[in-house]
Amino acid sequence: MDLLMQISIAVIAIAFLVLLYSLIQTLKVLRGALDEMRQTVGSLRTEVTQISVEVKEAVHNTNAMTLDVRTKLSSLDVLFASVNDLGHALHSFTGAAKESAASVVASIKGEGKKKPASEPSLISTIYDGAISTIRIWNKVKKI
């Protein structure tokens, strides 16, 4: 029985040595993986720093571009107001032209009858149209 006990102890000792060797190899592999992970995290930190600088520049450029677009849009407001005034002047002029055409037709039909009472209104409409046109022209020249 003594021999059996010695053989068992020898087998247990060999098994323990094999287990220790396997554990040491596993720890070496884990250490290598940890070293690689440290290098990766270090390079990620540098890249994130560079990216954050680039993002800050992009945001700054976007803000500057937005301000430029707002300035240009506000300058276009004056142009659109002038175009609106021009539209009103053209509308007045068109109305005056219609009235004038109607009075010409009425005078041709009535030939010899007295002038219609709408002529002073026609003259004032033409005058308003001319004044509006001059105002619009001055605004357009300023732009």
N, C-alpha and C. Protein backbone atom coordinates (compact mmCIF):
# COMPACT_ATOMS: atom_id res chain seq x y z
N MET A 1 0.79 -1.16 0.00
CA MET A 1 0.00 0.00 0.00
C MET A 1 0.86 1.26 0.00
N ASP A 2 1.97 1.08 0.53
CA ASP A 2 2.92 2.17 0.56
C ASP A 2 3.32 2.56 -0.85
N LEU A 3 3.50 1.64 -1.69
CA LEU A 3 3.87 1.89 -3.09
C LEU A 3 2.75 2.60 -3.82
N LEU A 4 1.54 2.20 -3.58
CA LEU A 4 0.38 2.83 -4.21
C LEU A 4 0.27 4.29 -3.78
N MET A 5 0.55 4.59 -2.56
CA MET A 5 0.49 5.95 -2.06
C MET A 5 1.58 6.78 -2.69
N GLN A 6 2.75 6.26 -2.85
CA GLN A 6 3.85 6.99 -3.47
C GLN A 6 3.54 7.28 -4.94
N ILE A 7 2.96 6.30 -5.64
CA ILE A 7 2.60 6.51 -7.05
C ILE A 7 1.51 7.56 -7.15
N SER A 8 0.57 7.56 -6.26
CA SER A 8 -0.52 8.53 -6.27
C SER A 8 0.02 9.93 -6.02
N ILE A 9 0.91 10.05 -5.08
CA ILE A 9 1.50 11.36 -4.78
C ILE A 9 2.30 11.84 -5.97
N ALA A 10 3.03 10.95 -6.65
CA ALA A 10 3.81 11.32 -7.82
C ALA A 10 2.89 11.78 -8.94
N VAL A 11 1.77 11.09 -9.17
CA VAL A 11 0.80 11.47 -10.22
C VAL A 11 0.19 12.82 -9.88
N ILE A 12 -0.15 13.03 -8.63
CA ILE A 12 -0.74 14.31 -8.20
C ILE A 12 0.28 15.43 -8.40
N ALA A 13 1.54 15.18 -8.08
CA ALA A 13 2.58 16.20 -8.23
C ALA A 13 2.76 16.55 -9.71
N ILE A 14 2.77 15.55 -10.59
CA ILE A 14 2.92 15.80 -12.03
C ILE A 14 1.70 16.56 -12.56
N ALA A 15 0.52 16.18 -12.12
CA ALA A 15 -0.70 16.87 -12.55
C ALA A 15 -0.67 18.32 -12.08
N PHE A 16 -0.16 18.56 -10.88
CA PHE A 16 -0.09 19.92 -10.35
C PHE A 16 0.91 20.74 -11.15
N LEU A 17 2.02 20.15 -11.53
CA LEU A 17 3.01 20.85 -12.34
C LEU A 17 2.44 21.19 -13.73
N VAL A 18 1.70 20.27 -14.33
CA VAL A 18 1.07 20.53 -15.64
C VAL A 18 0.06 21.66 -15.50
N LEU A 19 -0.70 21.66 -14.42
CA LEU A 19 -1.69 22.71 -14.18
C LEU A 19 -1.01 24.06 -14.00
N LEU A 20 0.08 24.10 -13.24
CA LEU A 20 0.83 25.34 -13.05
C LEU A 20 1.39 25.85 -14.37
N TYR A 21 1.95 24.95 -15.18
CA TYR A 21 2.50 25.34 -16.48
C TYR A 21 1.40 25.94 -17.37
N SER A 22 0.23 25.33 -17.41
CA SER A 22 -0.90 25.84 -18.21
C SER A 22 -1.34 27.21 -17.70
N LEU A 23 -1.38 27.36 -16.40
CA LEU A 23 -1.79 28.63 -15.80
C LEU A 23 -0.78 29.73 -16.13
N ILE A 24 0.49 29.42 -16.08
CA ILE A 24 1.53 30.39 -16.41
C ILE A 24 1.43 30.81 -17.87
N GLN A 25 1.19 29.86 -18.78
CA GLN A 25 1.05 30.18 -20.21
C GLN A 25 -0.18 31.07 -20.44
N THR A 26 -1.26 30.78 -19.75
CA THR A 26 -2.48 31.58 -19.89
C THR A 26 -2.22 33.00 -19.39
N LEU A 27 -1.52 33.15 -18.28
CA LEU A 27 -1.22 34.48 -17.75
C LEU A 27 -0.32 35.27 -18.69
N LYS A 28 0.63 34.59 -19.35
CA LYS A 28 1.48 35.27 -20.33
C LYS A 28 0.66 35.80 -21.50
N VAL A 29 -0.28 34.98 -21.98
CA VAL A 29 -1.14 35.42 -23.09
C VAL A 29 -1.99 36.62 -22.66
N LEU A 30 -2.53 36.56 -21.44
CA LEU A 30 -3.33 37.67 -20.92
C LEU A 30 -2.50 38.94 -20.78
N ARG A 31 -1.26 38.83 -20.33
CA ARG A 31 -0.38 39.98 -20.21
C ARG A 31 -0.14 40.62 -21.58
N GLY A 32 0.10 39.80 -22.58
CA GLY A 32 0.29 40.31 -23.95
C GLY A 32 -0.96 41.04 -24.44
N ALA A 33 -2.12 40.47 -24.16
CA ALA A 33 -3.37 41.11 -24.57
C ALA A 33 -3.56 42.44 -23.85
N LEU A 34 -3.22 42.49 -22.56
CA LEU A 34 -3.34 43.74 -21.81
C LEU A 34 -2.38 44.81 -22.34
N ASP A 35 -1.16 44.41 -22.68
CA ASP A 35 -0.20 45.37 -23.25
C ASP A 35 -0.72 45.93 -24.57
N GLU A 36 -1.27 45.07 -25.39
CA GLU A 36 -1.82 45.50 -26.68
C GLU A 36 -3.01 46.44 -26.47
N MET A 37 -3.82 46.13 -25.46
CA MET A 37 -4.98 46.97 -25.16
C MET A 37 -4.51 48.34 -24.68
N ARG A 38 -3.47 48.41 -23.87
CA ARG A 38 -2.93 49.69 -23.40
C ARG A 38 -2.45 50.54 -24.59
N GLN A 39 -1.76 49.90 -25.52
CA GLN A 39 -1.30 50.63 -26.70
C GLN A 39 -2.48 51.15 -27.52
N THR A 40 -3.49 50.33 -27.67
CA THR A 40 -4.67 50.74 -28.43
C THR A 40 -5.38 51.91 -27.77
N VAL A 41 -5.54 51.85 -26.45
CA VAL A 41 -6.20 52.95 -25.72
C VAL A 41 -5.38 54.23 -25.84
N GLY A 42 -4.07 54.11 -25.77
CA GLY A 42 -3.19 55.29 -25.93
C GLY A 42 -3.34 55.92 -27.30
N SER A 43 -3.35 55.10 -28.34
CA SER A 43 -3.51 55.65 -29.69
C SER A 43 -4.92 56.23 -29.89
N LEU A 44 -5.91 55.61 -29.25
CA LEU A 44 -7.28 56.15 -29.34
C LEU A 44 -7.36 57.53 -28.67
N ARG A 45 -6.67 57.71 -27.57
CA ARG A 45 -6.67 59.02 -26.91
C ARG A 45 -6.11 60.09 -27.83
N THR A 46 -5.00 59.78 -28.50
CA THR A 46 -4.42 60.78 -29.42
C THR A 46 -5.37 61.07 -30.58
N GLU A 47 -5.96 60.03 -31.13
CA GLU A 47 -6.87 60.23 -32.25
C GLU A 47 -8.11 61.02 -31.83
N VAL A 48 -8.64 60.74 -30.65
CA VAL A 48 -9.81 61.47 -30.17
C VAL A 48 -9.46 62.94 -29.96
N THR A 49 -8.27 63.21 -29.47
CA THR A 49 -7.84 64.60 -29.29
C THR A 49 -7.78 65.32 -30.64
N GLN A 50 -7.21 64.66 -31.64
CA GLN A 50 -7.12 65.25 -32.97
C GLN A 50 -8.51 65.46 -33.56
N ILE A 51 -9.38 64.49 -33.38
CA ILE A 51 -10.73 64.60 -33.93
C ILE A 51 -11.49 65.73 -33.24
N SER A 52 -11.31 65.88 -31.93
CA SER A 52 -12.02 66.96 -31.22
C SER A 52 -11.56 68.33 -31.71
N VAL A 53 -10.28 68.47 -32.03
CA VAL A 53 -9.78 69.73 -32.57
C VAL A 53 -10.43 69.99 -33.94
N GLU A 54 -10.51 68.97 -34.77
CA GLU A 54 -11.12 69.12 -36.09
C GLU A 54 -12.62 69.43 -35.98
N VAL A 55 -13.28 68.81 -35.02
CA VAL A 55 -14.72 69.08 -34.83
C VAL A 55 -14.92 70.52 -34.38
N LYS A 56 -14.06 71.01 -33.49
CA LYS A 56 -14.17 72.40 -33.05
C LYS A 56 -13.99 73.35 -34.23
N GLU A 57 -13.03 73.06 -35.11
CA GLU A 57 -12.83 73.90 -36.30
C GLU A 57 -14.05 73.86 -37.21
N ALA A 58 -14.62 72.67 -37.38
CA ALA A 58 -15.80 72.55 -38.24
C ALA A 58 -16.99 73.33 -37.67
N VAL A 59 -17.17 73.27 -36.36
CA VAL A 59 -18.26 74.02 -35.72
C VAL A 59 -18.02 75.52 -35.88
N HIS A 60 -16.79 75.95 -35.71
CA HIS A 60 -16.46 77.36 -35.86
C HIS A 60 -16.73 77.82 -37.30
N ASN A 61 -16.30 77.01 -38.27
CA ASN A 61 -16.55 77.36 -39.67
C ASN A 61 -18.05 77.37 -39.98
N THR A 62 -18.78 76.44 -39.40
CA THR A 62 -20.23 76.40 -39.62
C THR A 62 -20.89 77.64 -39.04
N ASN A 63 -20.46 78.06 -37.86
CA ASN A 63 -21.01 79.27 -37.26
C ASN A 63 -20.72 80.50 -38.12
N ALA A 64 -19.49 80.58 -38.62
CA ALA A 64 -19.13 81.72 -39.48
C ALA A 64 -19.95 81.71 -40.75
N MET A 65 -20.16 80.53 -41.33
CA MET A 65 -20.94 80.42 -42.56
C MET A 65 -22.41 80.79 -42.29
N THR A 66 -22.94 80.36 -41.15
CA THR A 66 -24.31 80.70 -40.81
C THR A 66 -24.48 82.21 -40.65
N LEU A 67 -23.53 82.86 -40.01
CA LEU A 67 -23.57 84.31 -39.85
C LEU A 67 -23.51 84.99 -41.21
N ASP A 68 -22.67 84.50 -42.11
CA ASP A 68 -22.57 85.07 -43.45
C ASP A 68 -23.88 84.92 -44.21
N VAL A 69 -24.49 83.75 -44.11
CA VAL A 69 -25.76 83.52 -44.80
C VAL A 69 -26.84 84.44 -44.24
N ARG A 70 -26.88 84.61 -42.92
CA ARG A 70 -27.88 85.50 -42.31
C ARG A 70 -27.69 86.93 -42.79
N THR A 71 -26.43 87.38 -42.89
CA THR A 71 -26.15 88.73 -43.36
C THR A 71 -26.63 88.91 -44.80
N LYS A 72 -26.34 87.93 -45.62
CA LYS A 72 -26.75 88.02 -47.03
C LYS A 72 -28.27 87.97 -47.17
N LEU A 73 -28.92 87.16 -46.34
CA LEU A 73 -30.39 87.11 -46.39
C LEU A 73 -31.00 88.43 -45.95
N SER A 74 -30.41 89.06 -44.96
CA SER A 74 -30.95 90.36 -44.52
C SER A 74 -30.76 91.42 -45.59
N SER A 75 -29.68 91.34 -46.36
CA SER A 75 -29.50 92.29 -47.46
C SER A 75 -30.50 92.01 -48.58
N LEU A 76 -30.93 90.78 -48.71
CA LEU A 76 -31.94 90.45 -49.73
C LEU A 76 -33.32 90.97 -49.35
N ASP A 77 -33.56 91.18 -48.04
CA ASP A 77 -34.85 91.71 -47.61
C ASP A 77 -35.12 93.07 -48.26
N VAL A 78 -34.09 93.91 -48.37
CA VAL A 78 -34.25 95.21 -49.00
C VAL A 78 -34.63 95.04 -50.47
N LEU A 79 -33.99 94.08 -51.12
CA LEU A 79 -34.29 93.83 -52.52
C LEU A 79 -35.73 93.37 -52.70
N PHE A 80 -36.18 92.48 -51.83
CA PHE A 80 -37.56 92.00 -51.94
C PHE A 80 -38.56 93.11 -51.65
N ALA A 81 -38.23 94.01 -50.73
CA ALA A 81 -39.11 95.15 -50.47
C ALA A 81 -39.19 96.05 -51.70
N SER A 82 -38.05 96.23 -52.38
CA SER A 82 -38.05 97.03 -53.60
C SER A 82 -38.87 96.36 -54.69
N VAL A 83 -38.74 95.05 -54.80
CA VAL A 83 -39.52 94.33 -55.81
C VAL A 83 -41.01 94.44 -55.48
N ASN A 84 -41.36 94.41 -54.21
CA ASN A 84 -42.75 94.58 -53.80
C ASN A 84 -43.26 95.97 -54.21
N ASP A 85 -42.44 97.00 -53.95
CA ASP A 85 -42.83 98.36 -54.35
C ASP A 85 -42.98 98.46 -55.86
N LEU A 86 -42.08 97.83 -56.57
CA LEU A 86 -42.16 97.82 -58.03
C LEU A 86 -43.45 97.14 -58.49
N GLY A 87 -43.84 96.09 -57.83
CA GLY A 87 -45.08 95.40 -58.18
C GLY A 87 -46.28 96.29 -57.96
N HIS A 88 -46.27 97.02 -56.84
CA HIS A 88 -47.38 97.94 -56.57
C HIS A 88 -47.42 99.06 -57.62
N ALA A 89 -46.25 99.57 -58.00
CA ALA A 89 -46.21 100.62 -59.01
C ALA A 89 -46.72 100.10 -60.35
N LEU A 90 -46.31 98.90 -60.71
CA LEU A 90 -46.78 98.31 -61.96
C LEU A 90 -48.28 98.08 -61.92
N HIS A 91 -48.78 97.67 -60.76
CA HIS A 91 -50.22 97.48 -60.62
C HIS A 91 -50.97 98.80 -60.81
N SER A 92 -50.43 99.87 -60.20
CA SER A 92 -51.04 101.20 -60.37
C SER A 92 -50.98 101.64 -61.81
N PHE A 93 -49.84 101.42 -62.45
CA PHE A 93 -49.68 101.80 -63.85
C PHE A 93 -50.63 101.01 -64.75
N THR A 94 -50.77 99.72 -64.47
CA THR A 94 -51.70 98.90 -65.25
C THR A 94 -53.13 99.37 -65.07
N GLY A 95 -53.48 99.71 -63.83
CA GLY A 95 -54.82 100.24 -63.58
C GLY A 95 -55.05 101.54 -64.33
N ALA A 96 -54.02 102.39 -64.34
CA ALA A 96 -54.14 103.66 -65.06
C ALA A 96 -54.28 103.40 -66.56
N ALA A 97 -53.53 102.44 -67.07
CA ALA A 97 -53.61 102.12 -68.49
C ALA A 97 -54.99 101.58 -68.84
N LYS A 98 -55.56 100.77 -67.97
CA LYS A 98 -56.92 100.26 -68.21
C LYS A 98 -57.93 101.40 -68.22
N GLU A 99 -57.81 102.30 -67.24
CA GLU A 99 -58.73 103.43 -67.19
C GLU A 99 -58.58 104.29 -68.43
N SER A 100 -57.36 104.51 -68.85
CA SER A 100 -57.11 105.33 -70.03
C SER A 100 -57.69 104.67 -71.26
N ALA A 101 -57.50 103.35 -71.38
CA ALA A 101 -58.07 102.64 -72.54
C ALA A 101 -59.59 102.70 -72.50
N ALA A 102 -60.16 102.58 -71.31
CA ALA A 102 -61.61 102.65 -71.19
C ALA A 102 -62.11 104.04 -71.56
N SER A 103 -61.39 105.08 -71.15
CA SER A 103 -61.83 106.44 -71.49
C SER A 103 -61.68 106.71 -72.97
N VAL A 104 -60.63 106.14 -73.59
CA VAL A 104 -60.47 106.31 -75.04
C VAL A 104 -61.62 105.62 -75.77
N VAL A 105 -61.96 104.42 -75.34
CA VAL A 105 -63.08 103.71 -75.97
C VAL A 105 -64.37 104.47 -75.76
N ALA A 106 -64.57 105.00 -74.55
CA ALA A 106 -65.79 105.76 -74.27
C ALA A 106 -65.84 107.03 -75.10
N SER A 107 -64.68 107.68 -75.26
CA SER A 107 -64.68 108.91 -76.06
C SER A 107 -64.89 108.61 -77.53
N ILE A 108 -64.42 107.45 -78.00
CA ILE A 108 -64.65 107.08 -79.40
C ILE A 108 -66.12 106.77 -79.60
N LYS A 109 -66.72 106.08 -78.66
CA LYS A 109 -68.14 105.76 -78.77
C LYS A 109 -68.99 107.02 -78.64
N GLY A 110 -68.62 107.91 -77.74
CA GLY A 110 -69.44 109.09 -77.47
C GLY A 110 -69.10 110.27 -78.35
N GLU A 111 -68.02 110.32 -79.04
CA GLU A 111 -67.53 111.39 -79.92
C GLU A 111 -68.35 112.68 -79.84
N GLY A 112 -67.93 113.57 -79.16
CA GLY A 112 -68.62 114.83 -79.10
C GLY A 112 -69.28 115.06 -77.76
N LYS A 113 -69.45 114.06 -76.99
CA LYS A 113 -70.00 114.25 -75.65
C LYS A 113 -68.92 114.82 -74.77
N LYS A 114 -69.26 115.35 -73.65
CA LYS A 114 -68.24 115.94 -72.78
C LYS A 114 -67.36 114.85 -72.15
N LYS A 115 -66.20 115.28 -71.71
CA LYS A 115 -65.20 114.36 -71.17
C LYS A 115 -65.72 113.69 -69.91
N PRO A 116 -65.36 112.41 -69.72
CA PRO A 116 -65.80 111.73 -68.50
C PRO A 116 -65.13 112.32 -67.27
N ALA A 117 -65.77 112.17 -66.16
CA ALA A 117 -65.28 112.73 -64.90
C ALA A 117 -64.09 111.95 -64.34
N SER A 118 -63.71 110.83 -64.99
CA SER A 118 -62.63 110.00 -64.45
C SER A 118 -61.25 110.48 -64.85
N GLU A 119 -61.11 111.49 -65.67
CA GLU A 119 -59.80 111.94 -66.11
C GLU A 119 -58.92 112.45 -64.97
N PRO A 120 -59.43 113.25 -64.04
CA PRO A 120 -58.55 113.66 -62.95
C PRO A 120 -58.05 112.44 -62.17
N SER A 121 -58.88 111.42 -62.03
CA SER A 121 -58.47 110.20 -61.35
C SER A 121 -57.38 109.50 -62.16
N LEU A 122 -57.49 109.52 -63.46
CA LEU A 122 -56.50 108.91 -64.35
C LEU A 122 -55.17 109.62 -64.22
N ILE A 123 -55.20 110.93 -64.21
CA ILE A 123 -53.97 111.72 -64.12
C ILE A 123 -53.30 111.46 -62.76
N SER A 124 -54.10 111.44 -61.70
CA SER A 124 -53.50 111.20 -60.38
C SER A 124 -52.93 109.79 -60.28
N THR A 125 -53.56 108.81 -60.92
CA THR A 125 -53.04 107.44 -60.90
C THR A 125 -51.72 107.35 -61.66
N ILE A 126 -51.65 108.01 -62.80
CA ILE A 126 -50.39 108.02 -63.57
C ILE A 126 -49.30 108.71 -62.77
N TYR A 127 -49.66 109.81 -62.12
CA TYR A 127 -48.70 110.53 -61.28
C TYR A 127 -48.19 109.65 -60.14
N ASP A 128 -49.10 108.96 -59.47
CA ASP A 128 -48.71 108.04 -58.39
C ASP A 128 -47.79 106.94 -58.91
N GLY A 129 -48.13 106.40 -60.08
CA GLY A 129 -47.29 105.34 -60.67
C GLY A 129 -45.90 105.85 -60.98
N ALA A 130 -45.80 107.07 -61.53
CA ALA A 130 -44.49 107.64 -61.86
C ALA A 130 -43.68 107.89 -60.60
N ILE A 131 -44.29 108.42 -59.56
CA ILE A 131 -43.59 108.68 -58.30
C ILE A 131 -43.10 107.37 -57.68
N SER A 132 -43.95 106.35 -57.68
CA SER A 132 -43.56 105.05 -57.12
C SER A 132 -42.40 104.46 -57.91
N THR A 133 -42.45 104.61 -59.23
CA THR A 133 -41.37 104.08 -60.07
C THR A 133 -40.06 104.78 -59.75
N ILE A 134 -40.10 106.09 -59.56
CA ILE A 134 -38.87 106.83 -59.24
C ILE A 134 -38.33 106.39 -57.87
N ARG A 135 -39.21 106.19 -56.89
CA ARG A 135 -38.76 105.73 -55.57
C ARG A 135 -38.11 104.35 -55.66
N ILE A 136 -38.72 103.48 -56.42
CA ILE A 136 -38.17 102.12 -56.57
C ILE A 136 -36.83 102.18 -57.27
N TRP A 137 -36.74 103.00 -58.28
CA TRP A 137 -35.48 103.11 -59.02
C TRP A 137 -34.37 103.61 -58.09
N ASN A 138 -34.67 104.57 -57.25
CA ASN A 138 -33.67 105.07 -56.30
C ASN A 138 -33.26 104.00 -55.31
N LYS A 139 -34.19 103.18 -54.84
CA LYS A 139 -33.86 102.08 -53.92
C LYS A 139 -32.99 101.03 -54.60
N VAL A 140 -33.31 100.73 -55.86
CA VAL A 140 -32.52 99.73 -56.60
C VAL A 140 -31.11 100.24 -56.84
N LYS A 141 -30.95 101.53 -57.10
CA LYS A 141 -29.62 102.10 -57.33
C LYS A 141 -28.77 102.02 -56.07
N LYS A 142 -29.41 102.16 -54.89
CA LYS A 142 -28.67 102.08 -53.63
C LYS A 142 -28.13 100.69 -53.38
N ILE A 143 -28.80 99.68 -53.87
CA ILE A 143 -28.37 98.29 -53.64
C ILE A 143 -27.16 98.05 -54.49
